[in-house]
């Protein structure tokens, strides 16, 4: 694969510096991006150093300019509460209809920025990854139908990658 022909966007980010271990972009850099030899993908991380409302506004404008047709592939995880990206059950961002990125308050108390369901569901392909023993309980609940309030169940036809 020619990595320099790939554009990477982040579906969500905590409002912490990229050097913080809780940063999704920082983790991707440490585990993957910094290890690539040769040309690298073009990366469009969410700026976690900004106030959430500013970061969300900037990312919404970026998505509208750089990827208005949507993503080719949206890769998401799933939490034990059925959340995906920064979309948590019962929160207002789940009802967003027009913005593509919004500020969120996470259950752990951190603020963040997330892509919204209207934008995530524009993706040509959607994957949800649930790996390892910590995901077993949520996968068992999903096998029984899950909870209709779970954000992960609002993604359009995802391919599930589980182990």
N, C-alpha and C. Protein backbone atom coordinates (compact mmCIF):
# COMPACT_ATOMS: atom_id res chain seq x y z
N UNK A 1 0.84 -1.18 0.00
CA UNK A 1 0.00 0.00 0.00
C UNK A 1 0.89 1.24 0.00
N UNK A 2 0.52 2.21 -0.78
CA UNK A 2 1.24 3.48 -0.82
C UNK A 2 0.65 4.38 0.27
N UNK A 3 1.29 4.40 1.43
CA UNK A 3 0.76 5.14 2.57
C UNK A 3 0.61 6.63 2.28
N UNK A 4 1.45 7.16 1.40
CA UNK A 4 1.34 8.60 1.13
C UNK A 4 0.10 8.93 0.29
N UNK A 5 -0.67 7.93 -0.12
CA UNK A 5 -1.93 8.18 -0.83
C UNK A 5 -3.13 8.03 0.10
N UNK A 6 -2.87 7.82 1.40
CA UNK A 6 -3.93 7.61 2.38
C UNK A 6 -4.10 8.88 3.21
N UNK A 7 -5.35 9.27 3.43
CA UNK A 7 -5.68 10.35 4.35
C UNK A 7 -6.31 9.74 5.59
N UNK A 8 -5.78 10.09 6.76
CA UNK A 8 -6.30 9.57 8.02
C UNK A 8 -7.03 10.67 8.77
N UNK A 9 -8.27 10.39 9.17
CA UNK A 9 -9.05 11.29 10.00
C UNK A 9 -9.36 10.56 11.30
N UNK A 10 -9.61 11.30 12.36
CA UNK A 10 -9.92 10.70 13.65
C UNK A 10 -11.40 10.84 13.93
N UNK A 11 -12.06 9.73 14.32
CA UNK A 11 -13.49 9.80 14.61
C UNK A 11 -13.76 10.50 15.93
N UNK A 12 -12.81 10.45 16.85
CA UNK A 12 -12.98 11.17 18.12
C UNK A 12 -11.63 11.37 18.78
N UNK A 13 -11.62 12.32 19.70
CA UNK A 13 -10.40 12.61 20.47
C UNK A 13 -10.77 13.23 21.80
N UNK A 14 -10.02 12.87 22.81
CA UNK A 14 -10.15 13.53 24.11
C UNK A 14 -9.41 14.86 24.03
N UNK A 15 -9.87 15.84 24.77
CA UNK A 15 -9.20 17.14 24.77
C UNK A 15 -8.03 17.10 25.76
N UNK A 16 -6.99 16.45 25.30
CA UNK A 16 -5.72 16.33 26.02
C UNK A 16 -4.60 16.52 24.99
N UNK A 17 -3.41 16.90 25.42
CA UNK A 17 -2.30 17.00 24.46
C UNK A 17 -2.02 15.64 23.82
N UNK A 18 -1.48 15.64 22.62
CA UNK A 18 -1.19 14.37 21.94
C UNK A 18 -0.14 13.55 22.69
N UNK A 19 0.62 14.18 23.57
CA UNK A 19 1.61 13.44 24.37
C UNK A 19 0.96 12.70 25.54
N UNK A 20 -0.28 13.00 25.85
CA UNK A 20 -1.00 12.35 26.95
C UNK A 20 -1.34 10.91 26.54
N UNK A 21 -1.15 9.93 27.41
CA UNK A 21 -1.45 8.54 27.06
C UNK A 21 -2.92 8.30 26.69
N UNK A 22 -3.82 9.22 27.06
CA UNK A 22 -5.25 9.06 26.73
C UNK A 22 -5.59 9.60 25.34
N UNK A 23 -4.63 10.19 24.64
CA UNK A 23 -4.88 10.75 23.32
C UNK A 23 -4.94 9.64 22.26
N UNK A 24 -6.02 9.60 21.49
CA UNK A 24 -6.12 8.62 20.41
C UNK A 24 -5.05 8.87 19.34
N UNK A 25 -4.86 10.13 18.98
CA UNK A 25 -3.84 10.45 17.98
C UNK A 25 -2.45 10.10 18.51
N UNK A 26 -2.19 10.43 19.75
CA UNK A 26 -0.89 10.10 20.34
C UNK A 26 -0.65 8.60 20.35
N UNK A 27 -1.68 7.82 20.67
CA UNK A 27 -1.55 6.35 20.66
C UNK A 27 -1.28 5.86 19.24
N UNK A 28 -1.99 6.41 18.26
CA UNK A 28 -1.79 5.99 16.86
C UNK A 28 -0.37 6.32 16.41
N UNK A 29 0.13 7.47 16.83
CA UNK A 29 1.51 7.83 16.48
C UNK A 29 2.50 6.83 17.08
N UNK A 30 2.35 6.56 18.38
CA UNK A 30 3.29 5.68 19.07
C UNK A 30 3.22 4.24 18.54
N UNK A 31 2.01 3.75 18.31
CA UNK A 31 1.84 2.34 17.94
C UNK A 31 1.96 2.06 16.45
N UNK A 32 1.79 3.09 15.61
CA UNK A 32 1.69 2.81 14.18
C UNK A 32 2.41 3.86 13.33
N UNK A 33 1.96 5.08 13.39
CA UNK A 33 2.45 6.10 12.45
C UNK A 33 3.95 6.34 12.53
N UNK A 34 4.49 6.43 13.74
CA UNK A 34 5.92 6.69 13.89
C UNK A 34 6.78 5.50 13.47
N UNK A 35 6.17 4.35 13.28
CA UNK A 35 6.91 3.14 12.90
C UNK A 35 6.94 2.90 11.39
N UNK A 36 6.18 3.70 10.64
CA UNK A 36 6.15 3.53 9.20
C UNK A 36 7.46 3.99 8.59
N UNK A 37 7.98 3.19 7.68
CA UNK A 37 9.18 3.58 6.94
C UNK A 37 8.74 4.25 5.65
N UNK A 38 9.47 5.21 5.20
CA UNK A 38 9.16 5.85 3.93
C UNK A 38 8.03 6.86 4.05
N UNK A 39 7.39 7.14 2.93
CA UNK A 39 6.31 8.13 2.92
C UNK A 39 5.19 7.73 3.87
N UNK A 40 4.62 8.72 4.52
CA UNK A 40 3.57 8.48 5.50
C UNK A 40 2.22 8.98 5.00
N UNK A 41 1.15 8.50 5.62
CA UNK A 41 -0.17 9.01 5.24
C UNK A 41 -0.32 10.47 5.66
N UNK A 42 -1.22 11.15 5.02
CA UNK A 42 -1.57 12.50 5.41
C UNK A 42 -2.54 12.37 6.58
N UNK A 43 -2.21 12.96 7.70
CA UNK A 43 -2.97 12.78 8.92
C UNK A 43 -3.71 14.06 9.28
N UNK A 44 -4.99 13.92 9.64
CA UNK A 44 -5.84 15.04 10.04
C UNK A 44 -6.38 14.79 11.45
N UNK A 45 -5.53 14.88 12.47
CA UNK A 45 -6.02 14.63 13.83
C UNK A 45 -6.89 15.78 14.32
N UNK A 46 -7.74 15.47 15.26
CA UNK A 46 -8.51 16.49 15.98
C UNK A 46 -7.55 17.16 16.95
N UNK A 47 -7.58 18.47 17.02
CA UNK A 47 -6.68 19.21 17.92
C UNK A 47 -7.24 19.16 19.33
N UNK A 48 -6.72 18.23 20.13
CA UNK A 48 -7.18 18.06 21.50
C UNK A 48 -6.71 19.14 22.45
N UNK A 49 -5.83 20.03 21.98
CA UNK A 49 -5.34 21.10 22.86
C UNK A 49 -6.30 22.29 22.90
N UNK A 50 -7.28 22.32 22.00
CA UNK A 50 -8.25 23.43 21.97
C UNK A 50 -9.41 23.15 22.92
N UNK A 51 -10.16 24.22 23.21
CA UNK A 51 -11.42 24.04 23.91
C UNK A 51 -12.32 23.19 23.02
N UNK A 52 -13.12 22.29 23.58
CA UNK A 52 -13.91 21.36 22.77
C UNK A 52 -14.77 22.03 21.70
N UNK A 53 -15.46 23.10 22.02
CA UNK A 53 -16.32 23.74 21.03
C UNK A 53 -15.51 24.28 19.85
N UNK A 54 -14.33 24.84 20.14
CA UNK A 54 -13.47 25.34 19.07
C UNK A 54 -12.93 24.18 18.23
N UNK A 55 -12.47 23.13 18.91
CA UNK A 55 -11.94 21.97 18.20
C UNK A 55 -12.99 21.32 17.32
N UNK A 56 -14.23 21.24 17.82
CA UNK A 56 -15.31 20.64 17.04
C UNK A 56 -15.63 21.50 15.82
N UNK A 57 -15.67 22.81 16.01
CA UNK A 57 -15.93 23.70 14.87
C UNK A 57 -14.85 23.60 13.82
N UNK A 58 -13.59 23.57 14.26
CA UNK A 58 -12.47 23.44 13.32
C UNK A 58 -12.54 22.11 12.57
N UNK A 59 -12.86 21.02 13.29
CA UNK A 59 -12.89 19.71 12.64
C UNK A 59 -14.08 19.59 11.68
N UNK A 60 -15.21 20.17 12.06
CA UNK A 60 -16.36 20.18 11.17
C UNK A 60 -15.99 20.88 9.86
N UNK A 61 -15.35 22.05 9.95
CA UNK A 61 -14.94 22.77 8.74
C UNK A 61 -13.92 21.97 7.94
N UNK A 62 -13.00 21.30 8.63
CA UNK A 62 -12.00 20.48 7.94
C UNK A 62 -12.67 19.35 7.16
N UNK A 63 -13.60 18.65 7.79
CA UNK A 63 -14.29 17.55 7.12
C UNK A 63 -15.06 18.05 5.90
N UNK A 64 -15.72 19.18 6.02
CA UNK A 64 -16.50 19.73 4.91
C UNK A 64 -15.60 20.14 3.75
N UNK A 65 -14.36 20.53 4.05
CA UNK A 65 -13.43 20.92 2.99
C UNK A 65 -12.62 19.77 2.43
N UNK A 66 -12.15 18.89 3.31
CA UNK A 66 -11.22 17.83 2.89
C UNK A 66 -11.90 16.52 2.53
N UNK A 67 -13.07 16.25 3.10
CA UNK A 67 -13.74 14.96 2.85
C UNK A 67 -15.26 15.14 2.84
N UNK A 68 -15.76 16.03 1.99
CA UNK A 68 -17.21 16.30 2.01
C UNK A 68 -18.08 15.12 1.61
N UNK A 69 -17.56 14.20 0.82
CA UNK A 69 -18.35 13.03 0.40
C UNK A 69 -18.37 11.94 1.47
N UNK A 70 -17.60 12.11 2.53
CA UNK A 70 -17.51 11.10 3.57
C UNK A 70 -16.21 10.31 3.45
N UNK A 71 -16.00 9.43 4.39
CA UNK A 71 -14.79 8.63 4.43
C UNK A 71 -14.95 7.37 3.58
N UNK A 72 -13.86 6.86 3.06
CA UNK A 72 -13.91 5.56 2.39
C UNK A 72 -14.13 4.45 3.41
N UNK A 73 -13.49 4.59 4.58
CA UNK A 73 -13.58 3.58 5.63
C UNK A 73 -13.56 4.28 6.98
N UNK A 74 -14.56 4.01 7.80
CA UNK A 74 -14.59 4.51 9.18
C UNK A 74 -14.35 3.31 10.09
N UNK A 75 -13.29 3.36 10.86
CA UNK A 75 -12.96 2.29 11.79
C UNK A 75 -13.27 2.78 13.20
N UNK A 76 -14.12 2.04 13.89
CA UNK A 76 -14.54 2.41 15.24
C UNK A 76 -14.35 1.23 16.18
N UNK A 77 -14.33 1.54 17.45
CA UNK A 77 -14.36 0.53 18.49
C UNK A 77 -15.74 0.54 19.12
N UNK A 78 -15.91 -0.26 20.15
CA UNK A 78 -17.16 -0.27 20.92
C UNK A 78 -16.80 -0.40 22.39
N UNK A 79 -17.47 0.41 23.22
CA UNK A 79 -17.25 0.34 24.65
C UNK A 79 -18.25 -0.56 25.34
N UNK A 80 -18.01 -0.85 26.60
CA UNK A 80 -18.90 -1.74 27.35
C UNK A 80 -20.30 -1.17 27.49
N UNK A 81 -20.46 0.14 27.29
CA UNK A 81 -21.76 0.79 27.35
C UNK A 81 -22.38 0.97 25.97
N UNK A 82 -21.77 0.35 24.95
CA UNK A 82 -22.28 0.46 23.59
C UNK A 82 -21.89 1.74 22.88
N UNK A 83 -20.98 2.53 23.49
CA UNK A 83 -20.57 3.76 22.80
C UNK A 83 -19.62 3.43 21.66
N UNK A 84 -19.56 4.32 20.71
CA UNK A 84 -18.61 4.23 19.61
C UNK A 84 -18.18 5.65 19.27
N UNK A 85 -16.95 5.80 18.79
CA UNK A 85 -16.36 7.13 18.63
C UNK A 85 -16.53 7.83 19.99
N UNK A 86 -16.93 9.07 20.01
CA UNK A 86 -17.20 9.76 21.28
C UNK A 86 -18.69 9.91 21.50
N UNK A 87 -19.47 8.97 20.98
CA UNK A 87 -20.92 9.01 21.08
C UNK A 87 -21.38 8.05 22.16
N UNK A 88 -21.93 8.63 23.24
CA UNK A 88 -22.31 7.85 24.41
C UNK A 88 -23.84 7.80 24.54
N UNK A 89 -24.37 6.70 25.07
CA UNK A 89 -25.83 6.56 25.21
C UNK A 89 -26.46 7.74 25.95
N UNK A 90 -27.58 8.21 25.42
CA UNK A 90 -28.36 9.24 26.09
C UNK A 90 -27.86 10.66 25.96
N UNK A 91 -26.74 10.88 25.29
CA UNK A 91 -26.20 12.23 25.19
C UNK A 91 -26.70 12.95 23.94
N UNK A 92 -26.74 14.27 24.03
CA UNK A 92 -27.26 15.13 22.95
C UNK A 92 -26.56 14.92 21.61
N UNK A 93 -25.24 14.68 21.54
CA UNK A 93 -24.62 14.50 20.23
C UNK A 93 -25.25 13.40 19.38
N UNK A 94 -25.93 12.46 19.99
CA UNK A 94 -26.60 11.40 19.23
C UNK A 94 -27.77 11.94 18.41
N UNK A 95 -28.30 13.08 18.83
CA UNK A 95 -29.45 13.67 18.13
C UNK A 95 -29.03 14.72 17.10
N UNK A 96 -27.72 14.96 16.97
CA UNK A 96 -27.23 15.96 16.03
C UNK A 96 -27.55 15.54 14.60
N UNK A 97 -28.06 16.47 13.82
CA UNK A 97 -28.45 16.17 12.44
C UNK A 97 -27.61 16.90 11.40
N UNK A 98 -27.03 18.05 11.72
CA UNK A 98 -26.37 18.85 10.69
C UNK A 98 -24.86 18.96 10.84
N UNK A 99 -24.37 19.03 12.06
CA UNK A 99 -22.91 19.17 12.24
C UNK A 99 -22.25 17.81 12.08
N UNK A 100 -21.02 17.82 11.59
CA UNK A 100 -20.26 16.59 11.37
C UNK A 100 -19.27 16.31 12.50
N UNK A 101 -19.00 17.30 13.33
CA UNK A 101 -18.14 17.11 14.50
C UNK A 101 -18.70 18.00 15.61
N UNK A 102 -18.77 17.45 16.82
CA UNK A 102 -19.32 18.20 17.95
C UNK A 102 -18.48 17.94 19.20
N UNK A 103 -18.61 18.86 20.15
CA UNK A 103 -17.97 18.69 21.46
C UNK A 103 -18.80 17.71 22.28
N UNK A 104 -18.11 16.93 23.11
CA UNK A 104 -18.80 15.97 23.98
C UNK A 104 -18.20 16.02 25.37
N UNK A 105 -19.03 15.65 26.34
CA UNK A 105 -18.54 15.42 27.70
C UNK A 105 -18.59 13.92 27.90
N UNK A 106 -17.44 13.34 28.16
CA UNK A 106 -17.33 11.90 28.30
C UNK A 106 -17.70 11.47 29.72
N UNK A 107 -18.17 10.24 29.90
CA UNK A 107 -18.51 9.77 31.25
C UNK A 107 -17.33 9.79 32.22
N UNK A 108 -16.09 9.75 31.69
CA UNK A 108 -14.93 9.79 32.58
C UNK A 108 -14.60 11.22 33.02
N UNK A 109 -15.44 12.19 32.62
CA UNK A 109 -15.24 13.58 33.03
C UNK A 109 -14.43 14.41 32.04
N UNK A 110 -13.75 13.76 31.12
CA UNK A 110 -12.98 14.50 30.12
C UNK A 110 -13.91 15.08 29.07
N UNK A 111 -13.47 16.16 28.47
CA UNK A 111 -14.16 16.74 27.33
C UNK A 111 -13.54 16.14 26.07
N UNK A 112 -14.25 16.21 24.97
CA UNK A 112 -13.71 15.67 23.74
C UNK A 112 -14.42 16.22 22.52
N UNK A 113 -14.02 15.72 21.36
CA UNK A 113 -14.62 16.06 20.08
C UNK A 113 -14.89 14.74 19.37
N UNK A 114 -16.04 14.63 18.74
CA UNK A 114 -16.39 13.41 18.02
C UNK A 114 -17.05 13.73 16.69
N UNK A 115 -16.87 12.83 15.73
CA UNK A 115 -17.69 12.87 14.52
C UNK A 115 -19.09 12.47 14.94
N UNK A 116 -20.07 12.94 14.21
CA UNK A 116 -21.47 12.63 14.50
C UNK A 116 -21.96 11.47 13.64
N UNK A 117 -23.10 10.92 14.02
CA UNK A 117 -23.68 9.82 13.24
C UNK A 117 -23.95 10.20 11.79
N UNK A 118 -24.47 11.41 11.50
CA UNK A 118 -24.67 11.73 10.08
C UNK A 118 -23.38 11.65 9.26
N UNK A 119 -22.26 12.05 9.85
CA UNK A 119 -21.01 11.98 9.10
C UNK A 119 -20.46 10.55 9.08
N UNK A 120 -20.44 9.88 10.22
CA UNK A 120 -19.93 8.50 10.25
C UNK A 120 -20.70 7.62 9.27
N UNK A 121 -22.00 7.83 9.19
CA UNK A 121 -22.82 6.99 8.32
C UNK A 121 -22.73 7.35 6.84
N UNK A 122 -21.99 8.42 6.51
CA UNK A 122 -21.70 8.74 5.11
C UNK A 122 -20.57 7.85 4.57
N UNK A 123 -19.83 7.22 5.47
CA UNK A 123 -18.68 6.41 5.06
C UNK A 123 -19.13 5.28 4.12
N UNK A 124 -18.29 5.00 3.13
CA UNK A 124 -18.61 3.89 2.22
C UNK A 124 -18.60 2.55 2.94
N UNK A 125 -17.67 2.39 3.86
CA UNK A 125 -17.57 1.17 4.66
C UNK A 125 -17.36 1.57 6.12
N UNK A 126 -17.96 0.80 7.01
CA UNK A 126 -17.83 1.04 8.45
C UNK A 126 -17.41 -0.27 9.10
N UNK A 127 -16.34 -0.19 9.86
CA UNK A 127 -15.88 -1.35 10.63
C UNK A 127 -16.02 -1.01 12.11
N UNK A 128 -16.36 -2.03 12.90
CA UNK A 128 -16.32 -1.93 14.35
C UNK A 128 -15.40 -3.03 14.84
N UNK A 129 -14.40 -2.65 15.59
CA UNK A 129 -13.41 -3.59 16.10
C UNK A 129 -13.66 -3.84 17.59
N UNK A 130 -13.75 -5.10 17.97
CA UNK A 130 -13.92 -5.50 19.36
C UNK A 130 -12.98 -6.68 19.62
N UNK A 131 -11.81 -6.37 20.13
CA UNK A 131 -10.77 -7.39 20.30
C UNK A 131 -10.44 -7.61 21.77
N UNK A 132 -10.24 -8.84 22.11
CA UNK A 132 -9.74 -9.19 23.43
C UNK A 132 -10.82 -9.52 24.44
N UNK A 133 -10.39 -10.07 25.56
CA UNK A 133 -11.33 -10.54 26.58
C UNK A 133 -12.17 -9.42 27.22
N UNK A 134 -11.67 -8.18 27.23
CA UNK A 134 -12.44 -7.08 27.83
C UNK A 134 -13.70 -6.78 27.03
N UNK A 135 -13.77 -7.21 25.78
CA UNK A 135 -14.93 -6.93 24.92
C UNK A 135 -15.96 -8.06 24.94
N UNK A 136 -15.64 -9.15 25.62
CA UNK A 136 -16.52 -10.32 25.62
C UNK A 136 -17.93 -9.98 26.12
N UNK A 137 -18.04 -9.23 27.21
CA UNK A 137 -19.35 -8.94 27.79
C UNK A 137 -20.22 -8.12 26.84
N UNK A 138 -19.63 -7.09 26.21
CA UNK A 138 -20.42 -6.28 25.29
C UNK A 138 -20.82 -7.09 24.06
N UNK A 139 -19.94 -7.98 23.60
CA UNK A 139 -20.28 -8.81 22.45
C UNK A 139 -21.41 -9.78 22.79
N UNK A 140 -21.40 -10.31 24.02
CA UNK A 140 -22.49 -11.19 24.45
C UNK A 140 -23.82 -10.43 24.48
N UNK A 141 -23.79 -9.19 24.98
CA UNK A 141 -25.01 -8.37 25.01
C UNK A 141 -25.47 -8.06 23.58
N UNK A 142 -24.53 -7.78 22.69
CA UNK A 142 -24.89 -7.50 21.29
C UNK A 142 -25.49 -8.73 20.62
N UNK A 143 -24.97 -9.91 20.95
CA UNK A 143 -25.50 -11.15 20.37
C UNK A 143 -26.95 -11.37 20.79
N UNK A 144 -27.33 -10.79 21.93
CA UNK A 144 -28.72 -10.89 22.41
C UNK A 144 -29.55 -9.69 21.95
N UNK A 145 -29.01 -8.89 21.07
CA UNK A 145 -29.75 -7.74 20.54
C UNK A 145 -29.27 -6.40 21.05
N UNK A 146 -28.52 -6.41 22.14
CA UNK A 146 -28.01 -5.16 22.68
C UNK A 146 -29.12 -4.26 23.19
N UNK A 147 -28.77 -3.03 23.42
CA UNK A 147 -29.71 -2.02 23.90
C UNK A 147 -29.96 -1.06 22.75
N UNK A 148 -31.22 -0.82 22.36
CA UNK A 148 -31.48 0.07 21.22
C UNK A 148 -30.91 1.47 21.40
N UNK A 149 -30.60 1.87 22.62
CA UNK A 149 -30.02 3.20 22.87
C UNK A 149 -28.51 3.22 22.59
N UNK A 150 -27.91 2.07 22.36
CA UNK A 150 -26.47 2.03 22.14
C UNK A 150 -26.11 2.71 20.82
N UNK A 151 -25.20 3.66 20.87
CA UNK A 151 -24.76 4.35 19.65
C UNK A 151 -24.19 3.41 18.59
N UNK A 152 -23.47 2.38 18.98
CA UNK A 152 -22.87 1.48 18.00
C UNK A 152 -23.93 0.83 17.11
N UNK A 153 -25.13 0.67 17.64
CA UNK A 153 -26.21 0.06 16.87
C UNK A 153 -26.85 1.05 15.89
N UNK A 154 -26.42 2.29 15.94
CA UNK A 154 -26.95 3.32 15.03
C UNK A 154 -26.03 3.52 13.82
N UNK A 155 -24.92 2.77 13.77
CA UNK A 155 -24.04 2.82 12.61
C UNK A 155 -24.68 2.02 11.47
N UNK A 156 -24.51 2.51 10.26
CA UNK A 156 -25.10 1.88 9.09
C UNK A 156 -24.29 0.66 8.66
N UNK A 157 -24.85 -0.51 8.80
CA UNK A 157 -24.30 -1.79 8.29
C UNK A 157 -22.81 -1.97 8.54
N UNK A 158 -22.38 -1.94 9.78
CA UNK A 158 -20.94 -2.13 10.00
C UNK A 158 -20.50 -3.58 9.82
N UNK A 159 -19.25 -3.74 9.44
CA UNK A 159 -18.58 -5.03 9.46
C UNK A 159 -17.92 -5.15 10.82
N UNK A 160 -18.21 -6.23 11.53
CA UNK A 160 -17.65 -6.43 12.86
C UNK A 160 -16.39 -7.28 12.78
N UNK A 161 -15.33 -6.83 13.40
CA UNK A 161 -14.08 -7.57 13.51
C UNK A 161 -13.90 -7.90 14.99
N UNK A 162 -14.04 -9.17 15.34
CA UNK A 162 -14.04 -9.57 16.76
C UNK A 162 -13.05 -10.71 16.99
N UNK A 163 -12.61 -10.79 18.22
CA UNK A 163 -11.81 -11.95 18.63
C UNK A 163 -11.98 -12.15 20.12
